[in-house]
Amino acid sequence: MASTYMTNMPGTTFHAVASGAVTAGDLVASAASDDVMTAITSAGYVEGTVLVATATASDDLIIVGVALTDAATGESLSVATSGLFIFESGDAVTAGALVGQLTTAQKVEDATLFTNVIGRALTGASASAKYVLVRLNA
């Protein structure tokens, strides 16, 4: 069960297809990295060519956003790439710090590597299992 809750969605979204079951609120990662955008036309892209999956701890470098809807394998879903979200902390989080999913899937921590950044903490957390408001910019 996802522990991320959307509070506001003024940002950008895109449509994709789930390569496995996805729950609304999950951080999602690119499920395939090479040559998946082959059905591009002047009218846009075919959403079936963009595959996403619930992010695991090892997916920290390819997180593309937050799932806005539930989806079973093969179903379409909407993914937010920006906006305000509440995430569970995996460790202490410093208000104002850049955050990323580093060691615990689906939880955020202060980012130690620039490449792991998914957003900025607008509030802090003293330890794990607390909640922080994050401005997502995956």
C-alpha atoms as a PDB file:
ATOM      1  CA  MET A   1       0.000   0.000   0.000  1.00  0.00           C
ATOM      2  CA  ALA A   2       1.366   3.401  -0.959  1.00  0.00           C
ATOM      3  CA  SER A   3       2.210   5.819   1.811  1.00  0.00           C
ATOM      4  CA  THR A   4       2.314   8.918  -0.414  1.00  0.00           C
ATOM      5  CA  TYR A   5      -0.621  11.313  -0.458  1.00  0.00           C
ATOM      6  CA  MET A   6      -1.255  14.016  -3.033  1.00  0.00           C
ATOM      7  CA  THR A   7      -2.121  17.422  -1.622  1.00  0.00           C
ATOM      8  CA  ASN A   8      -2.106  19.559  -4.736  1.00  0.00           C
ATOM      9  CA  MET A   9      -1.646  18.831  -8.440  1.00  0.00           C
ATOM     10  CA  PRO A  10      -0.939  21.980 -10.443  1.00  0.00           C
ATOM     11  CA  GLY A  11       1.991  20.404 -12.269  1.00  0.00           C
ATOM     12  CA  THR A  12       2.747  18.339 -15.285  1.00  0.00           C
ATOM     13  CA  THR A  13       1.446  14.844 -15.942  1.00  0.00           C
ATOM     14  CA  PHE A  14       1.875  12.227 -18.619  1.00  0.00           C
ATOM     15  CA  HIS A  15       0.218   8.935 -19.477  1.00  0.00           C
ATOM     16  CA  ALA A  16       2.017   5.609 -19.373  1.00  0.00           C
ATOM     17  CA  VAL A  17       1.341   1.889 -19.076  1.00  0.00           C
ATOM     18  CA  ALA A  18       2.072  -0.120 -15.937  1.00  0.00           C
ATOM     19  CA  SER A  19       4.544  -2.966 -16.421  1.00  0.00           C
ATOM     20  CA  GLY A  20       3.371  -4.355 -13.061  1.00  0.00           C
ATOM     21  CA  ALA A  21       0.711  -3.421 -10.514  1.00  0.00           C
ATOM     22  CA  VAL A  22       0.977   0.232  -9.456  1.00  0.00           C
ATOM     23  CA  THR A  23      -0.874   1.934  -6.598  1.00  0.00           C
ATOM     24  CA  ALA A  24      -1.805   5.622  -6.711  1.00  0.00           C
ATOM     25  CA  GLY A  25       0.807   7.513  -4.705  1.00  0.00           C
ATOM     26  CA  ASP A  26       3.672   5.187  -5.597  1.00  0.00           C
ATOM     27  CA  LEU A  27       6.921   6.664  -6.815  1.00  0.00           C
ATOM     28  CA  VAL A  28       7.294   5.153 -10.272  1.00  0.00           C
ATOM     29  CA  ALA A  29      10.381   4.500 -12.342  1.00  0.00           C
ATOM     30  CA  SER A  30      10.996   3.954 -16.007  1.00  0.00           C
ATOM     31  CA  ALA A  31      10.413   0.261 -16.621  1.00  0.00           C
ATOM     32  CA  ALA A  32      12.450   0.175 -19.808  1.00  0.00           C
ATOM     33  CA  SER A  33      15.255   2.571 -20.570  1.00  0.00           C
ATOM     34  CA  ASP A  34      16.192   2.119 -24.220  1.00  0.00           C
ATOM     35  CA  ASP A  35      14.192   2.857 -27.371  1.00  0.00           C
ATOM     36  CA  VAL A  36      10.745   2.874 -25.751  1.00  0.00           C
ATOM     37  CA  MET A  37       9.734   6.147 -27.412  1.00  0.00           C
ATOM     38  CA  THR A  38       9.500   4.734 -30.939  1.00  0.00           C
ATOM     39  CA  ALA A  39       5.880   5.655 -31.709  1.00  0.00           C
ATOM     40  CA  ILE A  40       6.411   9.413 -31.872  1.00  0.00           C
ATOM     41  CA  THR A  41       4.465  11.481 -34.398  1.00  0.00           C
ATOM     42  CA  SER A  42       3.786  15.161 -34.835  1.00  0.00           C
ATOM     43  CA  ALA A  43       0.633  14.573 -32.779  1.00  0.00           C
ATOM     44  CA  GLY A  44       2.556  13.238 -29.767  1.00  0.00           C
ATOM     45  CA  TYR A  45       3.411   9.808 -28.467  1.00  0.00           C
ATOM     46  CA  VAL A  46       1.588   6.537 -28.033  1.00  0.00           C
ATOM     47  CA  GLU A  47       1.210   6.004 -24.287  1.00  0.00           C
ATOM     48  CA  GLY A  48       1.727   2.265 -24.640  1.00  0.00           C
ATOM     49  CA  THR A  49       5.355   2.933 -25.513  1.00  0.00           C
ATOM     50  CA  VAL A  50       6.067   4.488 -22.101  1.00  0.00           C
ATOM     51  CA  LEU A  51       6.260   1.797 -19.417  1.00  0.00           C
ATOM     52  CA  VAL A  52       6.516   2.525 -15.690  1.00  0.00           C
ATOM     53  CA  ALA A  53       6.733   0.352 -12.582  1.00  0.00           C
ATOM     54  CA  THR A  54       6.589   0.969  -8.841  1.00  0.00           C
ATOM     55  CA  ALA A  55      10.064   2.177  -7.888  1.00  0.00           C
ATOM     56  CA  THR A  56      12.251  -0.157  -5.867  1.00  0.00           C
ATOM     57  CA  ALA A  57      15.223   0.901  -3.740  1.00  0.00           C
ATOM     58  CA  SER A  58      17.553   0.272  -6.686  1.00  0.00           C
ATOM     59  CA  ASP A  59      15.485   2.490  -9.028  1.00  0.00           C
ATOM     60  CA  ASP A  60      16.513   5.746  -7.376  1.00  0.00           C
ATOM     61  CA  LEU A  61      18.190   7.101 -10.523  1.00  0.00           C
ATOM     62  CA  ILE A  62      15.272   6.502 -12.901  1.00  0.00           C
ATOM     63  CA  ILE A  63      12.256   7.734 -10.917  1.00  0.00           C
ATOM     64  CA  VAL A  64       9.951   9.603 -13.288  1.00  0.00           C
ATOM     65  CA  GLY A  65       7.191  10.744 -10.936  1.00  0.00           C
ATOM     66  CA  VAL A  66       4.255   9.739  -8.760  1.00  0.00           C
ATOM     67  CA  ALA A  67       1.368   7.550  -9.940  1.00  0.00           C
ATOM     68  CA  LEU A  68      -1.921   9.430  -9.768  1.00  0.00           C
ATOM     69  CA  THR A  69      -4.088   6.374 -10.376  1.00  0.00           C
ATOM     70  CA  ASP A  70      -4.011   2.659  -9.626  1.00  0.00           C
ATOM     71  CA  ALA A  71      -3.161   0.400 -12.552  1.00  0.00           C
ATOM     72  CA  ALA A  72      -2.844  -3.332 -13.073  1.00  0.00           C
ATOM     73  CA  THR A  73      -0.220  -4.735 -15.427  1.00  0.00           C
ATOM     74  CA  GLY A  74      -0.875  -3.409 -18.936  1.00  0.00           C
ATOM     75  CA  GLU A  75      -3.315  -0.699 -17.842  1.00  0.00           C
ATOM     76  CA  SER A  76      -2.872   3.021 -18.490  1.00  0.00           C
ATOM     77  CA  LEU A  77      -2.168   5.432 -15.670  1.00  0.00           C
ATOM     78  CA  SER A  78      -1.384   9.097 -15.138  1.00  0.00           C
ATOM     79  CA  VAL A  79       1.980  10.096 -13.679  1.00  0.00           C
ATOM     80  CA  ALA A  80       2.764  13.460 -12.059  1.00  0.00           C
ATOM     81  CA  THR A  81       6.231  14.882 -12.611  1.00  0.00           C
ATOM     82  CA  SER A  82       5.708  17.905 -10.383  1.00  0.00           C
ATOM     83  CA  GLY A  83       3.422  19.090  -7.617  1.00  0.00           C
ATOM     84  CA  LEU A  84       3.130  18.942  -3.813  1.00  0.00           C
ATOM     85  CA  PHE A  85       3.039  15.518  -2.157  1.00  0.00           C
ATOM     86  CA  ILE A  86       3.284  14.093   1.339  1.00  0.00           C
ATOM     87  CA  PHE A  87       5.843  11.294   1.604  1.00  0.00           C
ATOM     88  CA  GLU A  88       6.786   9.043   4.489  1.00  0.00           C
ATOM     89  CA  SER A  89      10.351   9.600   5.676  1.00  0.00           C
ATOM     90  CA  GLY A  90      12.881   6.767   5.582  1.00  0.00           C
ATOM     91  CA  ASP A  91      15.183   8.699   7.913  1.00  0.00           C
ATOM     92  CA  ALA A  92      15.443  12.221   9.296  1.00  0.00           C
ATOM     93  CA  VAL A  93      14.642  14.862   6.662  1.00  0.00           C
ATOM     94  CA  THR A  94      15.814  18.450   6.833  1.00  0.00           C
ATOM     95  CA  ALA A  95      13.269  21.116   5.894  1.00  0.00           C
ATOM     96  CA  GLY A  96      14.513  22.838   2.751  1.00  0.00           C
ATOM     97  CA  ALA A  97      16.801  19.956   1.779  1.00  0.00           C
ATOM     98  CA  LEU A  98      16.801  18.182  -1.538  1.00  0.00           C
ATOM     99  CA  VAL A  99      15.283  14.729  -1.060  1.00  0.00           C
ATOM    100  CA  GLY A 100      15.375  11.454  -2.891  1.00  0.00           C
ATOM    101  CA  GLN A 101      14.415   7.826  -2.523  1.00  0.00           C
ATOM    102  CA  LEU A 102      17.755   6.439  -1.462  1.00  0.00           C
ATOM    103  CA  THR A 103      17.713   3.260   0.598  1.00  0.00           C
ATOM    104  CA  THR A 104      14.094   2.470   1.415  1.00  0.00           C
ATOM    105  CA  ALA A 105      11.681   2.132  -1.484  1.00  0.00           C
ATOM    106  CA  GLN A 106       8.738   4.545  -1.422  1.00  0.00           C
ATOM    107  CA  LYS A 107      10.211   6.658   1.407  1.00  0.00           C
ATOM    108  CA  VAL A 108      12.237   9.852   1.154  1.00  0.00           C
ATOM    109  CA  GLU A 109      15.463  10.952   2.811  1.00  0.00           C
ATOM    110  CA  ASP A 110      17.861  13.869   2.438  1.00  0.00           C
ATOM    111  CA  ALA A 111      19.565  13.330  -0.928  1.00  0.00           C
ATOM    112  CA  THR A 112      23.286  12.697  -0.720  1.00  0.00           C
ATOM    113  CA  LEU A 113      23.865  12.565  -4.467  1.00  0.00           C
ATOM    114  CA  PHE A 114      22.537  15.157  -6.879  1.00  0.00           C
ATOM    115  CA  THR A 115      21.453  12.398  -9.268  1.00  0.00           C
ATOM    116  CA  ASN A 116      19.041  10.974  -6.681  1.00  0.00           C
ATOM    117  CA  VAL A 117      16.981  14.154  -6.220  1.00  0.00           C
ATOM    118  CA  ILE A 118      13.215  13.900  -6.699  1.00  0.00           C
ATOM    119  CA  GLY A 119      12.274  17.177  -5.018  1.00  0.00           C
ATOM    120  CA  ARG A 120      12.705  19.541  -2.067  1.00  0.00           C
ATOM    121  CA  ALA A 121      11.367  18.999   1.453  1.00  0.00           C
ATOM    122  CA  LEU A 122       9.123  21.883   2.500  1.00  0.00           C
ATOM    123  CA  THR A 123       8.822  20.457   6.022  1.00  0.00           C
ATOM    124  CA  GLY A 124      11.194  18.277   8.041  1.00  0.00           C
ATOM    125  CA  ALA A 125      11.039  14.971   9.893  1.00  0.00           C
ATOM    126  CA  SER A 126      13.005  14.049  13.033  1.00  0.00           C
ATOM    127  CA  ALA A 127      13.233  10.335  12.183  1.00  0.00           C
ATOM    128  CA  SER A 128      11.840   7.593   9.947  1.00  0.00           C
ATOM    129  CA  ALA A 129       8.100   6.882   9.761  1.00  0.00           C
ATOM    130  CA  LYS A 130       7.225  10.606   9.918  1.00  0.00           C
ATOM    131  CA  TYR A 131       5.695  12.573   7.042  1.00  0.00           C
ATOM    132  CA  VAL A 132       7.095  15.457   5.039  1.00  0.00           C
ATOM    133  CA  LEU A 133       5.672  17.799   2.432  1.00  0.00           C
ATOM    134  CA  VAL A 134       7.753  17.596  -0.740  1.00  0.00           C
ATOM    135  CA  ARG A 135       7.692  19.720  -3.876  1.00  0.00           C
ATOM    136  CA  LEU A 136       8.233  17.030  -6.492  1.00  0.00           C
ATOM    137  CA  ASN A 137      10.301  17.815  -9.550  1.00  0.00           C
ATOM    138  CA  ALA A 138      11.350  14.348 -10.675  1.00  0.00           C
END
